[in-house]
Protein backbone atom coordinates (compact mmCIF):
# COMPACT_ATOMS: atom_id res chain seq x y z
CA MET A 1 69.58 3.34 4.10
CA THR A 2 66.38 5.01 2.89
CA VAL A 3 63.17 5.25 4.88
CA MET A 4 60.27 4.71 2.54
CA THR A 5 57.45 4.84 5.06
CA VAL A 6 56.05 6.78 7.97
CA LEU A 7 53.44 5.65 10.42
CA THR A 8 50.35 7.04 12.02
CA GLY A 9 50.65 9.11 15.13
CA GLY A 10 50.11 12.47 16.76
CA ALA A 11 48.13 13.93 19.59
CA ALA A 12 44.55 12.82 20.03
CA GLY A 13 41.76 15.29 19.60
CA ILE A 14 43.15 17.26 16.66
CA LYS A 15 40.42 17.82 14.10
CA HIS A 16 40.79 15.93 10.83
CA LEU A 17 41.78 18.04 7.84
CA VAL A 18 39.72 15.92 5.47
CA PRO A 19 37.06 13.43 6.57
CA GLU A 20 37.87 9.84 5.70
CA ARG A 21 35.45 8.42 3.17
CA ARG A 22 34.39 5.28 5.00
CA LYS A 23 32.52 3.50 2.25
CA VAL A 24 32.88 3.69 -1.50
CA ASP A 25 29.62 4.14 -3.41
CA ALA A 26 28.09 0.72 -4.06
CA VAL A 27 27.71 1.33 -7.80
CA CYS A 28 31.34 2.38 -8.17
CA SER A 29 32.62 -0.56 -6.12
CA THR A 30 30.57 -3.10 -8.01
CA SER A 31 31.53 -1.65 -11.37
CA LEU A 32 35.24 -1.76 -10.67
CA SER A 33 35.17 -5.42 -9.76
CA ALA A 34 32.73 -6.59 -12.42
CA THR A 35 33.48 -4.56 -15.53
CA PRO A 36 36.67 -3.98 -17.57
CA ASN A 37 38.54 -0.93 -16.30
CA HIS A 38 38.62 0.93 -19.62
CA GLU A 39 34.87 1.51 -19.52
CA PHE A 40 35.29 3.71 -16.46
CA HIS A 41 38.45 5.59 -17.42
CA THR A 42 39.22 8.37 -19.86
CA MET A 43 42.49 9.33 -21.48
CA HIS A 44 44.66 11.31 -19.07
CA ARG A 45 48.07 12.92 -19.19
CA ILE A 46 49.54 11.99 -15.84
CA LEU A 47 52.81 13.17 -14.29
CA VAL A 48 54.25 10.73 -11.73
CA THR A 49 56.91 12.18 -9.44
CA GLY A 50 59.52 9.96 -7.81
CA ALA A 51 59.13 7.67 -10.79
CA THR A 52 62.25 5.58 -10.21
CA GLY A 53 61.50 4.99 -6.52
CA GLN A 54 59.64 1.99 -5.19
CA VAL A 55 56.25 3.66 -4.92
CA GLY A 56 56.54 5.74 -8.10
CA SER A 57 57.64 2.72 -10.12
CA ALA A 58 54.74 0.68 -8.81
CA VAL A 59 52.28 3.46 -9.69
CA ILE A 60 53.65 3.64 -13.24
CA SER A 61 53.34 -0.14 -13.61
CA ALA A 62 49.74 0.00 -12.38
CA LEU A 63 48.91 2.83 -14.80
CA LEU A 64 50.48 0.96 -17.69
CA ALA A 65 48.43 -2.10 -16.78
CA LEU A 66 45.23 -0.06 -17.00
CA GLY A 67 46.29 1.32 -20.39
CA GLY A 68 44.81 4.22 -22.28
CA ASN A 69 46.85 6.97 -20.62
CA LEU A 70 49.80 9.17 -21.47
CA ILE A 71 52.24 8.90 -18.57
CA ARG A 72 55.10 11.24 -17.79
CA ALA A 73 57.72 9.89 -15.43
CA GLY A 74 59.33 12.77 -13.54
CA VAL A 75 62.94 11.81 -12.80
CA ARG A 76 66.21 13.46 -11.85
CA ASP A 77 68.36 11.25 -14.06
CA ILE A 78 66.96 10.49 -17.51
CA SER A 79 69.69 7.99 -18.40
CA LYS A 80 69.12 5.98 -15.23
CA ALA A 81 65.37 5.99 -15.78
CA ALA A 82 65.83 4.90 -19.38
CA GLU A 83 67.49 1.70 -18.17
CA LYS A 84 64.30 0.84 -16.30
CA TRP A 85 61.58 2.31 -18.48
CA GLY A 86 63.16 2.93 -21.89
CA GLY A 87 61.44 1.56 -24.96
CA ASP A 88 57.84 1.86 -23.76
CA ALA A 89 56.06 4.29 -26.08
CA ARG A 90 53.32 4.88 -23.50
CA LEU A 91 55.80 6.47 -21.11
CA GLN A 92 57.60 9.79 -21.51
CA LEU A 93 60.65 10.42 -19.33
CA VAL A 94 60.91 14.08 -18.29
CA PRO A 95 63.43 15.87 -16.05
CA PHE A 96 61.90 16.81 -12.72
CA ASP A 97 63.42 18.40 -9.64
CA TYR A 98 61.58 19.53 -6.50
CA PHE A 99 63.94 22.51 -6.26
CA ASP A 100 63.94 23.54 -9.94
CA PRO A 101 60.85 25.58 -10.98
CA ALA A 102 61.81 25.52 -14.68
CA ARG A 103 61.87 21.71 -14.74
CA GLN A 104 58.60 21.63 -12.85
CA ASP A 105 56.97 23.92 -15.42
CA ALA A 106 58.17 21.79 -18.33
CA ALA A 107 56.99 18.56 -16.71
CA LEU A 108 53.58 19.96 -15.71
CA ALA A 109 52.75 21.49 -19.11
CA ASP A 110 49.54 19.99 -20.56
CA CYS A 111 49.17 17.48 -17.72
CA ASP A 112 45.72 16.58 -16.42
CA SER A 113 46.78 14.86 -13.20
CA LEU A 114 49.76 14.78 -10.86
CA PHE A 115 50.86 11.96 -8.57
CA LEU A 116 52.85 13.67 -5.84
CA LEU A 117 55.04 12.06 -3.24
CA ARG A 118 57.42 13.56 -0.73
CA PRO A 119 61.12 12.58 -0.78
CA PRO A 120 62.26 11.56 2.72
CA ARG A 121 64.55 14.53 3.30
CA LEU A 122 62.34 17.23 1.80
CA THR A 123 60.90 19.66 4.34
CA GLU A 124 58.96 21.94 1.95
CA ASP A 125 55.16 22.00 2.01
CA PHE A 126 54.89 21.98 -1.81
CA GLY A 127 53.15 25.35 -1.85
CA ASP A 128 55.05 26.61 -4.92
CA LEU A 129 54.63 23.31 -6.76
CA ILE A 130 50.89 23.24 -6.08
CA SER A 131 50.61 26.82 -7.36
CA ARG A 132 52.46 25.87 -10.53
CA ALA A 133 50.19 22.89 -11.03
CA ARG A 134 47.16 25.19 -10.75
CA GLN A 135 48.68 27.66 -13.23
CA HIS A 136 49.25 24.85 -15.73
CA GLY A 137 45.64 23.69 -15.46
CA VAL A 138 46.29 20.44 -13.61
CA ALA A 139 42.83 19.17 -12.71
CA HIS A 140 43.69 16.65 -9.99
CA ILE A 141 46.57 16.05 -7.55
CA VAL A 142 46.89 12.69 -5.81
CA PHE A 143 49.23 12.98 -2.82
CA LEU A 144 50.92 10.03 -1.12
CA SER A 145 50.53 10.95 2.54
CA VAL A 146 50.66 8.58 5.53
CA GLN A 147 48.15 6.99 7.87
CA GLY A 148 47.26 9.40 10.64
CA ALA A 149 48.71 12.51 8.99
CA GLU A 150 45.50 14.41 9.66
CA ARG A 151 46.11 14.07 13.41
CA ASN A 152 49.87 14.53 13.57
CA ARG A 153 51.03 18.13 13.29
CA PHE A 154 54.67 17.15 13.69
CA ILE A 155 55.22 15.36 10.37
CA PRO A 156 55.68 17.14 7.02
CA HIS A 157 52.73 15.31 5.44
CA HIS A 158 50.32 17.18 7.72
CA LYS A 159 51.48 20.54 6.37
CA ILE A 160 51.34 19.31 2.77
CA GLU A 161 47.78 18.08 3.28
CA GLN A 162 46.83 21.49 4.63
CA ARG A 163 48.45 23.18 1.65
CA LEU A 164 46.53 20.93 -0.76
CA VAL A 165 43.22 21.61 0.98
CA ALA A 166 43.78 25.35 0.53
CA GLY A 167 45.60 25.16 -2.81
CA GLY A 168 42.71 25.45 -5.25
CA VAL A 169 43.38 22.21 -7.16
CA PRO A 170 41.10 19.18 -6.66
CA TYR A 171 43.04 16.60 -4.65
CA THR A 172 42.93 13.12 -3.20
CA LEU A 173 44.96 12.09 -0.16
CA LEU A 174 46.24 8.52 0.01
CA ARG A 175 47.19 7.57 3.56
CA PRO A 176 48.92 4.19 3.49
CA ALA A 177 49.85 2.20 6.57
CA TYR A 178 53.33 0.80 7.28
CA PHE A 179 54.81 -0.46 4.02
CA MET A 180 55.57 -4.17 3.92
CA GLN A 181 58.34 -3.25 1.48
CA ASN A 182 60.33 -1.84 4.38
CA PHE A 183 61.53 -5.41 4.73
CA THR A 184 63.08 -5.25 1.26
CA SER A 185 64.56 -1.78 1.83
CA THR A 186 65.07 -0.05 5.18
CA LEU A 187 65.04 -3.22 7.31
CA HIS A 188 66.61 -5.49 4.71
CA ALA A 189 70.28 -5.36 5.71
CA GLU A 190 69.58 -6.27 9.34
CA LEU A 191 67.28 -9.07 8.25
CA VAL A 192 69.57 -10.78 5.76
CA ARG A 193 72.87 -10.29 7.60
CA ARG A 194 71.87 -10.80 11.22
CA HIS A 195 68.65 -12.79 10.79
CA ARG A 196 66.70 -10.39 12.95
CA ILE A 197 64.32 -7.43 13.12
CA PHE A 198 65.95 -4.79 15.31
CA LEU A 199 63.50 -2.01 16.19
CA PRO A 200 62.36 -0.24 19.38
CA ALA A 201 58.71 -1.11 18.77
CA GLY A 202 58.03 -3.27 21.81
CA ASN A 203 54.85 -5.33 21.51
CA ALA A 204 52.95 -2.71 19.51
CA ARG A 205 50.91 -3.95 16.58
CA PHE A 206 51.34 -2.21 13.24
CA THR A 207 48.81 -1.84 10.46
CA LEU A 208 50.47 -2.87 7.19
CA VAL A 209 50.01 -2.43 3.45
CA ASP A 210 51.74 -3.68 0.30
CA VAL A 211 53.06 -0.95 -2.00
CA GLU A 212 51.48 -2.79 -4.95
CA ASP A 213 48.05 -2.29 -3.38
CA VAL A 214 48.76 1.39 -2.88
CA ALA A 215 49.80 1.65 -6.54
CA ARG A 216 46.62 -0.03 -7.77
CA VAL A 217 44.51 2.37 -5.74
CA ALA A 218 46.51 5.33 -7.04
CA ALA A 219 46.01 4.21 -10.64
CA GLN A 220 42.25 3.95 -10.15
CA VAL A 221 42.04 7.35 -8.47
CA LEU A 222 44.19 9.03 -11.13
CA THR A 223 42.25 7.68 -14.10
CA GLN A 224 38.64 7.08 -13.08
CA ALA A 225 36.28 9.47 -14.87
CA GLY A 226 34.41 12.13 -12.96
CA THR A 227 35.04 13.86 -9.65
CA TRP A 228 34.19 11.02 -7.27
CA HIS A 229 37.66 11.00 -5.69
CA HIS A 230 38.08 14.77 -5.44
CA ARG A 231 38.58 16.16 -1.92
CA GLN A 232 38.70 12.66 -0.46
CA ALA A 233 41.17 10.94 1.87
CA TYR A 234 41.67 7.16 1.73
CA THR A 235 43.48 5.18 4.41
CA LEU A 236 44.99 2.06 2.83
CA THR A 237 45.70 -1.06 4.88
CA SER A 238 45.66 -4.82 4.78
CA HIS A 239 43.22 -6.63 7.05
CA THR A 240 45.51 -7.90 9.82
CA PRO A 241 47.67 -5.76 12.14
CA LEU A 242 50.77 -7.55 13.41
CA SER A 243 53.49 -7.01 15.98
CA PHE A 244 57.09 -7.35 14.83
CA ALA A 245 57.33 -10.55 16.88
CA GLN A 246 54.45 -11.97 14.82
CA MET A 247 56.12 -10.76 11.61
CA ALA A 248 59.33 -12.49 12.68
CA ASP A 249 57.37 -15.73 13.22
CA GLN A 250 55.87 -15.50 9.73
CA LEU A 251 59.29 -14.78 8.23
CA THR A 252 60.70 -17.80 10.09
CA SER A 253 58.01 -20.07 8.70
CA ALA A 254 58.28 -18.82 5.13
CA LEU A 255 62.07 -18.62 4.91
CA GLY A 256 62.78 -21.85 6.73
CA LEU A 257 65.25 -20.37 9.22
CA PRO A 258 64.90 -18.58 12.53
CA ILE A 259 64.32 -14.82 12.37
CA SER A 260 64.36 -13.11 15.76
CA TYR A 261 62.84 -9.87 16.90
CA VAL A 262 64.87 -7.65 19.21
CA SER A 263 63.33 -4.52 20.71
CA PRO A 264 66.24 -2.48 22.10
CA ASN A 265 66.00 0.56 24.31
CA PRO A 266 66.35 3.86 22.43
CA TRP A 267 70.01 4.40 23.37
CA ARG A 268 71.06 0.92 22.24
CA PHE A 269 69.12 1.35 19.01
CA TYR A 270 70.77 4.70 18.30
CA ARG A 271 74.26 3.49 19.16
CA THR A 272 73.94 0.31 17.08
CA LEU A 273 72.73 2.12 13.96
CA ARG A 274 75.37 4.83 14.31
CA ARG A 275 78.01 2.10 14.44
CA ASP A 276 76.52 0.76 11.21
CA GLY A 277 76.95 4.17 9.58
CA VAL A 278 73.35 5.37 9.62
CA GLU A 279 72.86 9.14 9.76
CA PRO A 280 71.66 10.52 13.13
CA GLY A 281 68.63 12.25 11.60
CA LEU A 282 67.44 9.04 9.99
CA ILE A 283 67.89 7.11 13.23
CA LEU A 284 65.73 9.62 15.10
CA VAL A 285 63.01 9.35 12.45
CA MET A 286 63.05 5.56 12.72
CA MET A 287 62.85 5.78 16.51
CA MET A 288 59.83 8.07 16.34
CA LEU A 289 58.03 5.93 13.77
CA HIS A 290 58.54 2.65 15.56
CA MET A 291 58.10 3.82 19.16
CA GLN A 292 55.01 5.97 18.69
CA PRO A 293 52.51 3.08 18.22
CA ARG A 294 53.56 1.79 21.64
CA PHE A 295 51.76 4.78 23.14
CA THR A 296 49.02 5.61 20.60
CA GLY A 297 47.59 2.13 20.07
CA THR A 298 47.10 0.06 16.93
CA PRO A 299 46.02 2.15 13.94
CA PRO A 300 42.68 1.09 12.42
CA VAL A 301 42.28 -1.12 9.37
CA THR A 302 40.03 -0.19 6.46
CA PRO A 303 38.36 -2.04 3.56
CA THR A 304 39.34 0.71 1.11
CA VAL A 305 41.80 -1.28 -1.02
CA PHE A 306 39.09 -3.80 -1.90
CA GLU A 307 36.41 -1.14 -2.33
CA LEU A 308 38.49 0.83 -4.82
CA THR A 309 40.20 -1.99 -6.73
CA GLY A 310 37.92 -5.01 -6.37
CA GLN A 311 40.91 -7.01 -5.09
CA ALA A 312 41.59 -8.11 -1.53
CA PRO A 313 44.71 -6.48 -0.08
CA VAL A 314 47.90 -8.48 0.22
CA GLU A 315 48.52 -9.85 3.71
CA PHE A 316 52.00 -10.05 5.24
CA ALA A 317 52.39 -13.82 4.78
CA GLN A 318 51.57 -13.44 1.09
CA PHE A 319 54.04 -10.56 0.77
CA VAL A 320 56.79 -12.72 2.29
CA ALA A 321 55.98 -15.56 -0.11
CA ASN A 322 56.00 -13.16 -3.07
CA HIS A 323 59.41 -11.73 -2.08
CA ARG A 324 61.02 -14.82 -0.58
CA ASP A 325 64.17 -14.68 -2.71
CA GLU A 326 64.81 -11.05 -1.73
CA LEU A 327 64.29 -11.81 1.96
CA LEU A 328 66.56 -14.84 2.20
CA PRO A 329 69.74 -14.10 4.17
CA VAL A 330 73.06 -13.70 2.43
CA PRO A 331 75.71 -16.43 2.87
CA ASP A 332 77.33 -16.59 6.29
CA LYS A 333 80.63 -15.30 5.00
CA LEU A 334 78.97 -11.95 4.15
CA GLN A 335 77.34 -11.49 7.53
CA SER A 336 78.71 -8.91 9.96
């Protein structure tokens, strides 16, 4: 099981690292929605880390859709990546490892921009990598953070944001809400085998976002000409926060079978996931992420996805409809 999202949280009253840009300039917003993208983009050499993961793959697809860029996909396994991306002349597959400075140097050479995301188990603050990017002349780093990272000193993204602010390379912080794609990854097995959502989230409402919307924003930020997005932080959400009980209702309606929501106490949650073979560290992370909104309140929604892309963000019901085949339960004989 792989956690692909983290939520907002942290103590109130901590000063924001970077002020949230609340409204995109009217000229920029109008232009993006009314005029072909290529008129507002210049040729860039862009390195995308985590290129075979769900977010990295979506960012590459969004960049390819814009066209006019040279994209480097930073991957650990070239042969595996070639199965997914091979044959596209616009995309160069390059070895990349967060713990291998030589591979980092080779991948960063001659790049204009870097899309940076943090692997779930990495605890580094990217200080060395940011320094290498500066030495190679990288002009812009776009970091995939999380909603609320500026207020939560206890998550790695907070430290990485601080490092970027002080790192000497122009940056943009993307702070997405809870990924809808958790239902096709982290929460998928429980959903399709036991027809339920099993999380200690109580009645808390969660702000959501589709990874595809995050990718479209990232592509715009990475390729748009000028310095408009430099030193900015964008919180990315859909319009409608939902509780997991409400999400279960929408799944029930769309899939045509009952999906329940069970909110266990922390000990039952831990014991159940350990019995299913989940690592203790991952269980504790999931507990923190899903219990915290019970005490901190519903994170805010923003209009940023529309302002930056000209497209309304995907809502949860639409996400379920788009991924219905993936979300349908397996046959009864495979259930546990």
